[in-house]
PDB file of N, CA and C in Angstrom:
ATOM      1  N   MET A   1      76.999  91.245 125.167  1.00  0.00           N
ATOM      2  CA  MET A   1      77.062  91.258 123.781  1.00  0.00           C
ATOM      3  C   MET A   1      77.363  92.610 123.196  1.00  0.00           C
ATOM      4  N   ASN A   2      77.132  93.904 123.881  1.00  0.00           N
ATOM      5  CA  ASN A   2      77.597  95.296 123.311  1.00  0.00           C
ATOM      6  C   ASN A   2      79.075  95.434 123.424  1.00  0.00           C
ATOM      7  N   GLY A   3      79.567  94.952 124.783  1.00  0.00           N
ATOM      8  CA  GLY A   3      80.915  94.944 124.977  1.00  0.00           C
ATOM      9  C   GLY A   3      81.791  94.016 123.838  1.00  0.00           C
ATOM     10  N   GLU A   4      81.296  93.193 123.165  1.00  0.00           N
ATOM     11  CA  GLU A   4      82.080  92.382 122.319  1.00  0.00           C
ATOM     12  C   GLU A   4      81.859  92.722 120.981  1.00  0.00           C
ATOM     13  N   ILE A   5      80.885  93.536 120.785  1.00  0.00           N
ATOM     14  CA  ILE A   5      80.634  94.299 119.282  1.00  0.00           C
ATOM     15  C   ILE A   5      81.958  95.355 119.683  1.00  0.00           C
ATOM     16  N   PHE A   6      81.864  95.879 120.669  1.00  0.00           N
ATOM     17  CA  PHE A   6      82.559  97.256 120.619  1.00  0.00           C
ATOM     18  C   PHE A   6      84.059  96.549 120.509  1.00  0.00           C
ATOM     19  N   ALA A   7      84.569  95.500 120.994  1.00  0.00           N
ATOM     20  CA  ALA A   7      85.929  95.195 120.963  1.00  0.00           C
ATOM     21  C   ALA A   7      86.157  94.473 119.455  1.00  0.00           C
ATOM     22  N   GLN A   8      85.299  93.966 118.902  1.00  0.00           N
ATOM     23  CA  GLN A   8      85.591  93.920 117.393  1.00  0.00           C
ATOM     24  C   GLN A   8      85.649  95.236 116.711  1.00  0.00           C
ATOM     25  N   LEU A   9      84.911  96.227 116.938  1.00  0.00           N
ATOM     26  CA  LEU A   9      84.903  97.534 116.387  1.00  0.00           C
ATOM     27  C   LEU A   9      86.278  98.010 116.434  1.00  0.00           C
ATOM     28  N   GLU A  10      86.577  98.044 117.932  1.00  0.00           N
ATOM     29  CA  GLU A  10      87.607  98.895 118.006  1.00  0.00           C
ATOM     30  C   GLU A  10      89.412  97.985 117.571  1.00  0.00           C
ATOM     31  N   GLN A  11      88.975  96.640 117.411  1.00  0.00           N
ATOM     32  CA  GLN A  11      90.308  95.958 116.705  1.00  0.00           C
ATOM     33  C   GLN A  11      89.933  96.371 115.250  1.00  0.00           C
ATOM     34  N   LYS A  12      89.028  96.451 114.673  1.00  0.00           N
ATOM     35  CA  LYS A  12      89.015  96.634 113.342  1.00  0.00           C
ATOM     36  C   LYS A  12      89.657  97.983 113.012  1.00  0.00           C
ATOM     37  N   ILE A  13      89.264  98.894 114.039  1.00  0.00           N
ATOM     38  CA  ILE A  13      89.676 100.324 113.666  1.00  0.00           C
ATOM     39  C   ILE A  13      90.992 100.275 113.970  1.00  0.00           C
ATOM     40  N   GLN A  14      91.695  99.606 114.846  1.00  0.00           N
ATOM     41  CA  GLN A  14      93.041  99.518 115.112  1.00  0.00           C
ATOM     42  C   GLN A  14      94.048  98.959 113.891  1.00  0.00           C
ATOM     43  N   ASN A  15      93.445  97.957 113.269  1.00  0.00           N
ATOM     44  CA  ASN A  15      93.953  97.016 111.977  1.00  0.00           C
ATOM     45  C   ASN A  15      93.866  98.156 110.811  1.00  0.00           C
ATOM     46  N   ALA A  16      92.794  98.797 110.936  1.00  0.00           N
ATOM     47  CA  ALA A  16      92.993 100.277 109.616  1.00  0.00           C
ATOM     48  C   ALA A  16      93.990 101.194 110.077  1.00  0.00           C
ATOM     49  N   VAL A  17      94.099 101.528 111.368  1.00  0.00           N
ATOM     50  CA  VAL A  17      95.060 102.628 111.466  1.00  0.00           C
ATOM     51  C   VAL A  17      96.492 101.763 111.161  1.00  0.00           C
ATOM     52  N   ASP A  18      96.596 100.835 111.796  1.00  0.00           N
ATOM     53  CA  ASP A  18      97.828 100.248 111.402  1.00  0.00           C
ATOM     54  C   ASP A  18      98.197  99.968 110.105  1.00  0.00           C
ATOM     55  N   SER A  19      97.180  99.494 109.057  1.00  0.00           N
ATOM     56  CA  SER A  19      97.612  99.387 107.840  1.00  0.00           C
ATOM     57  C   SER A  19      97.888 100.936 107.144  1.00  0.00           C
ATOM     58  N   ILE A  20      96.994 101.892 107.667  1.00  0.00           N
ATOM     59  CA  ILE A  20      97.228 103.316 107.065  1.00  0.00           C
ATOM     60  C   ILE A  20      98.852 103.758 107.598  1.00  0.00           C
ATOM     61  N   GLU A  21      99.189 103.455 108.627  1.00  0.00           N
ATOM     62  CA  GLU A  21     100.699 103.701 109.003  1.00  0.00           C
ATOM     63  C   GLU A  21     101.604 103.068 107.975  1.00  0.00           C
ATOM     64  N   MET A  22     101.293 101.691 108.290  1.00  0.00           N
ATOM     65  CA  MET A  22     102.338 100.960 107.042  1.00  0.00           C
ATOM     66  C   MET A  22     102.551 101.534 105.619  1.00  0.00           C
ATOM     67  N   LEU A  23     101.217 101.712 105.083  1.00  0.00           N
ATOM     68  CA  LEU A  23     101.297 102.530 103.844  1.00  0.00           C
ATOM     69  C   LEU A  23     101.681 103.872 103.799  1.00  0.00           C
ATOM     70  N   LYS A  24     101.697 104.506 104.670  1.00  0.00           N
ATOM     71  CA  LYS A  24     102.467 106.024 104.747  1.00  0.00           C
ATOM     72  C   LYS A  24     103.863 105.934 104.723  1.00  0.00           C
ATOM     73  N   MET A  25     104.417 104.654 105.313  1.00  0.00           N
ATOM     74  CA  MET A  25     105.600 104.371 105.528  1.00  0.00           C
ATOM     75  C   MET A  25     106.065 103.967 103.857  1.00  0.00           C
ATOM     76  N   GLU A  26     105.587 102.824 103.292  1.00  0.00           N
ATOM     77  CA  GLU A  26     105.908 102.678 102.204  1.00  0.00           C
ATOM     78  C   GLU A  26     105.832 103.763 101.282  1.00  0.00           C
ATOM     79  N   ASN A  27     104.779 104.635 101.243  1.00  0.00           N
ATOM     80  CA  ASN A  27     104.734 105.710 100.533  1.00  0.00           C
ATOM     81  C   ASN A  27     105.881 106.606 100.175  1.00  0.00           C
ATOM     82  N   GLU A  28     106.450 106.863 101.573  1.00  0.00           N
ATOM     83  CA  GLU A  28     107.588 107.307 101.828  1.00  0.00           C
ATOM     84  C   GLU A  28     108.840 107.056 101.089  1.00  0.00           C
ATOM     85  N   GLU A  29     109.209 105.588 101.456  1.00  0.00           N
ATOM     86  CA  GLU A  29     109.956 105.037 100.872  1.00  0.00           C
ATOM     87  C   GLU A  29     109.906 105.014  99.191  1.00  0.00           C
ATOM     88  N   LEU A  30     108.719 105.002  98.529  1.00  0.00           N
ATOM     89  CA  LEU A  30     108.505 104.894  97.530  1.00  0.00           C
ATOM     90  C   LEU A  30     108.926 106.179  96.707  1.00  0.00           C
ATOM     91  N   LYS A  31     108.705 107.386  97.518  1.00  0.00           N
ATOM     92  CA  LYS A  31     108.705 108.477  97.057  1.00  0.00           C
ATOM     93  C   LYS A  31     110.332 108.679  96.890  1.00  0.00           C
ATOM     94  N   ALA A  32     111.337 108.139  98.000  1.00  0.00           N
ATOM     95  CA  ALA A  32     112.509 108.587  98.017  1.00  0.00           C
ATOM     96  C   ALA A  32     113.304 107.620  96.635  1.00  0.00           C
ATOM     97  N   GLU A  33     112.682 106.492  96.868  1.00  0.00           N
ATOM     98  CA  GLU A  33     113.233 105.624  95.236  1.00  0.00           C
ATOM     99  C   GLU A  33     113.153 106.222  94.309  1.00  0.00           C
ATOM    100  N   ASN A  34     111.977 106.727  94.016  1.00  0.00           N
ATOM    101  CA  ASN A  34     111.143 107.642  92.829  1.00  0.00           C
ATOM    102  C   ASN A  34     112.058 108.592  92.560  1.00  0.00           C
ATOM    103  N   ALA A  35     112.554 109.512  93.522  1.00  0.00           N
ATOM    104  CA  ALA A  35     113.888 110.738  93.543  1.00  0.00           C
ATOM    105  C   ALA A  35     114.935 110.108  92.919  1.00  0.00           C
ATOM    106  N   GLN A  36     115.494 108.909  93.880  1.00  0.00           N
ATOM    107  CA  GLN A  36     116.777 108.556  93.352  1.00  0.00           C
ATOM    108  C   GLN A  36     116.545 108.122  91.693  1.00  0.00           C
ATOM    109  N   LEU A  37     115.568 107.452  91.265  1.00  0.00           N
ATOM    110  CA  LEU A  37     115.538 106.772  89.982  1.00  0.00           C
ATOM    111  C   LEU A  37     115.496 108.114  89.113  1.00  0.00           C
ATOM    112  N   ARG A  38     114.744 109.202  89.603  1.00  0.00           N
ATOM    113  CA  ARG A  38     114.718 110.328  88.299  1.00  0.00           C
ATOM    114  C   ARG A  38     115.879 111.173  88.347  1.00  0.00           C
ATOM    115  N   GLN A  39     116.679 111.115  89.590  1.00  0.00           N
ATOM    116  CA  GLN A  39     117.992 111.648  89.506  1.00  0.00           C
ATOM    117  C   GLN A  39     119.089 110.772  88.691  1.00  0.00           C
ATOM    118  N   GLU A  40     118.755 109.453  88.736  1.00  0.00           N
ATOM    119  CA  GLU A  40     119.608 108.480  87.853  1.00  0.00           C
ATOM    120  C   GLU A  40     119.235 108.865  86.087  1.00  0.00           C
ATOM    121  N   ARG A  41     118.121 108.736  86.149  1.00  0.00           N
ATOM    122  CA  ARG A  41     117.619 109.157  84.820  1.00  0.00           C
ATOM    123  C   ARG A  41     118.059 110.259  83.980  1.00  0.00           C
ATOM    124  N   ASP A  42     118.140 111.487  85.135  1.00  0.00           N
ATOM    125  CA  ASP A  42     118.570 112.619  84.436  1.00  0.00           C
ATOM    126  C   ASP A  42     119.947 112.637  84.003  1.00  0.00           C
ATOM    127  N   GLU A  43     120.933 111.742  84.959  1.00  0.00           N
ATOM    128  CA  GLU A  43     122.257 111.621  84.723  1.00  0.00           C
ATOM    129  C   GLU A  43     122.497 110.919  83.231  1.00  0.00           C
ATOM    130  N   TRP A  44     121.443 109.885  83.086  1.00  0.00           N
ATOM    131  CA  TRP A  44     121.732 109.169  82.058  1.00  0.00           C
ATOM    132  C   TRP A  44     121.520 109.817  80.864  1.00  0.00           C
ATOM    133  N   GLU A  45     120.154 110.694  80.749  1.00  0.00           N
ATOM    134  CA  GLU A  45     120.037 111.737  79.517  1.00  0.00           C
ATOM    135  C   GLU A  45     121.113 112.574  79.487  1.00  0.00           C
ATOM    136  N   ARG A  46     121.580 113.189  80.408  1.00  0.00           N
ATOM    137  CA  ARG A  46     122.604 114.164  80.334  1.00  0.00           C
ATOM    138  C   ARG A  46     124.028 113.303  79.558  1.00  0.00           C
ATOM    139  N   ARG A  47     124.054 112.196  80.138  1.00  0.00           N
ATOM    140  CA  ARG A  47     125.374 111.360  79.421  1.00  0.00           C
ATOM    141  C   ARG A  47     125.173 111.039  78.054  1.00  0.00           C
ATOM    142  N   LEU A  48     124.211 110.614  77.669  1.00  0.00           N
ATOM    143  CA  LEU A  48     123.674 110.328  76.550  1.00  0.00           C
ATOM    144  C   LEU A  48     123.755 111.707  75.273  1.00  0.00           C
ATOM    145  N   GLY A  49     123.207 113.008  76.068  1.00  0.00           N
ATOM    146  CA  GLY A  49     122.966 113.981  75.173  1.00  0.00           C
ATOM    147  C   GLY A  49     124.656 114.302  74.967  1.00  0.00           C
ATOM    148  N   GLY A  50     125.400 114.181  75.752  1.00  0.00           N
ATOM    149  CA  GLY A  50     126.807 114.297  75.472  1.00  0.00           C
ATOM    150  C   GLY A  50     127.538 113.498  74.326  1.00  0.00           C
ATOM    151  N   LEU A  51     126.917 112.338  74.419  1.00  0.00           N
ATOM    152  CA  LEU A  51     127.451 111.187  73.545  1.00  0.00           C
ATOM    153  C   LEU A  51     126.842 111.673  72.195  1.00  0.00           C
ATOM    154  N   LEU A  52     125.459 112.213  72.184  1.00  0.00           N
ATOM    155  CA  LEU A  52     124.848 112.584  70.705  1.00  0.00           C
ATOM    156  C   LEU A  52     125.636 113.594  70.392  1.00  0.00           C
ATOM    157  N   ASP A  53     126.006 114.681  71.150  1.00  0.00           N
ATOM    158  CA  ASP A  53     126.521 115.816  70.514  1.00  0.00           C
ATOM    159  C   ASP A  53     127.904 115.430  69.872  1.00  0.00           C
ATOM    160  N   LYS A  54     128.675 114.470  70.661  1.00  0.00           N
ATOM    161  CA  LYS A  54     129.986 114.249  69.799  1.00  0.00           C
ATOM    162  C   LYS A  54     129.637 113.566  68.747  1.00  0.00           C
ATOM    163  N   LEU A  55     128.821 112.804  68.506  1.00  0.00           N
ATOM    164  CA  LEU A  55     128.430 112.158  67.107  1.00  0.00           C
ATOM    165  C   LEU A  55     128.259 113.173  66.091  1.00  0.00           C
ATOM    166  N   ARG A  56     127.145 114.214  66.399  1.00  0.00           N
ATOM    167  CA  ARG A  56     126.862 115.162  65.451  1.00  0.00           C
ATOM    168  C   ARG A  56     128.090 116.114  65.352  1.00  0.00           C
ATOM    169  N   ALA A  57     129.244 116.307  66.096  1.00  0.00           N
ATOM    170  CA  ALA A  57     130.243 117.177  65.663  1.00  0.00           C
ATOM    171  C   ALA A  57     131.127 116.407  64.799  1.00  0.00           C
ATOM    172  N   LEU A  58     131.142 114.715  65.364  1.00  0.00           N
ATOM    173  CA  LEU A  58     132.053 113.525  64.438  1.00  0.00           C
ATOM    174  C   LEU A  58     131.537 113.673  62.733  1.00  0.00           C
ATOM    175  N   ASP A  59     130.021 113.657  63.051  1.00  0.00           N
ATOM    176  CA  ASP A  59     129.571 113.751  61.579  1.00  0.00           C
ATOM    177  C   ASP A  59     129.424 114.962  60.546  1.00  0.00           C
ATOM    178  N   GLU A  60     129.452 116.030  61.465  1.00  0.00           N
ATOM    179  CA  GLU A  60     129.831 117.769  60.949  1.00  0.00           C
ATOM    180  C   GLU A  60     131.156 117.677  60.119  1.00  0.00           C
ATOM    181  N   THR A  61     132.007 116.956  60.962  1.00  0.00           N
ATOM    182  CA  THR A  61     133.518 117.197  60.461  1.00  0.00           C
ATOM    183  C   THR A  61     133.492 116.023  59.389  1.00  0.00           C
ATOM    184  N   GLN A  62     133.029 115.095  59.198  1.00  0.00           N
ATOM    185  CA  GLN A  62     133.380 114.152  58.157  1.00  0.00           C
ATOM    186  C   GLN A  62     132.483 114.917  57.088  1.00  0.00           C
ATOM    187  N   SER A  63     131.379 115.808  56.952  1.00  0.00           N
ATOM    188  CA  SER A  63     130.639 116.143  55.862  1.00  0.00           C
ATOM    189  C   SER A  63     131.456 117.449  55.427  1.00  0.00           C
ATOM    190  N   ASP A  64     132.303 118.404  56.399  1.00  0.00           N
ATOM    191  CA  ASP A  64     133.067 119.507  55.959  1.00  0.00           C
ATOM    192  C   ASP A  64     134.041 118.819  55.217  1.00  0.00           C
ATOM    193  N   ALA A  65     134.728 117.422  55.344  1.00  0.00           N
ATOM    194  CA  ALA A  65     135.694 117.155  54.874  1.00  0.00           C
ATOM    195  C   ALA A  65     135.593 116.497  53.338  1.00  0.00           C
ATOM    196  N   SER A  66     134.156 116.264  53.216  1.00  0.00           N
ATOM    197  CA  SER A  66     133.927 115.689  52.125  1.00  0.00           C
ATOM    198  C   SER A  66     133.499 116.619  51.001  1.00  0.00           C
ATOM    199  N   ALA A  67     133.172 117.885  51.670  1.00  0.00           N
ATOM    200  CA  ALA A  67     132.840 118.832  50.781  1.00  0.00           C
ATOM    201  C   ALA A  67     133.793 119.506  49.906  1.00  0.00           C
TER     202      ALA A  67
END
């Protein structure tokens, strides 16, 4: 009986270790994906800022011309 309980406990521990390892790998993948998404967001923000600057410059040019 004790051997059977020990085997069950051993299997549960192994399952937990396997789950932890899978979660660690998934976490690393998600960290990498997050870094890539942040980089893409930064690029979009930079591009959007450039477009906004162009629109402001155009607006100022039009304001100066009408003054």
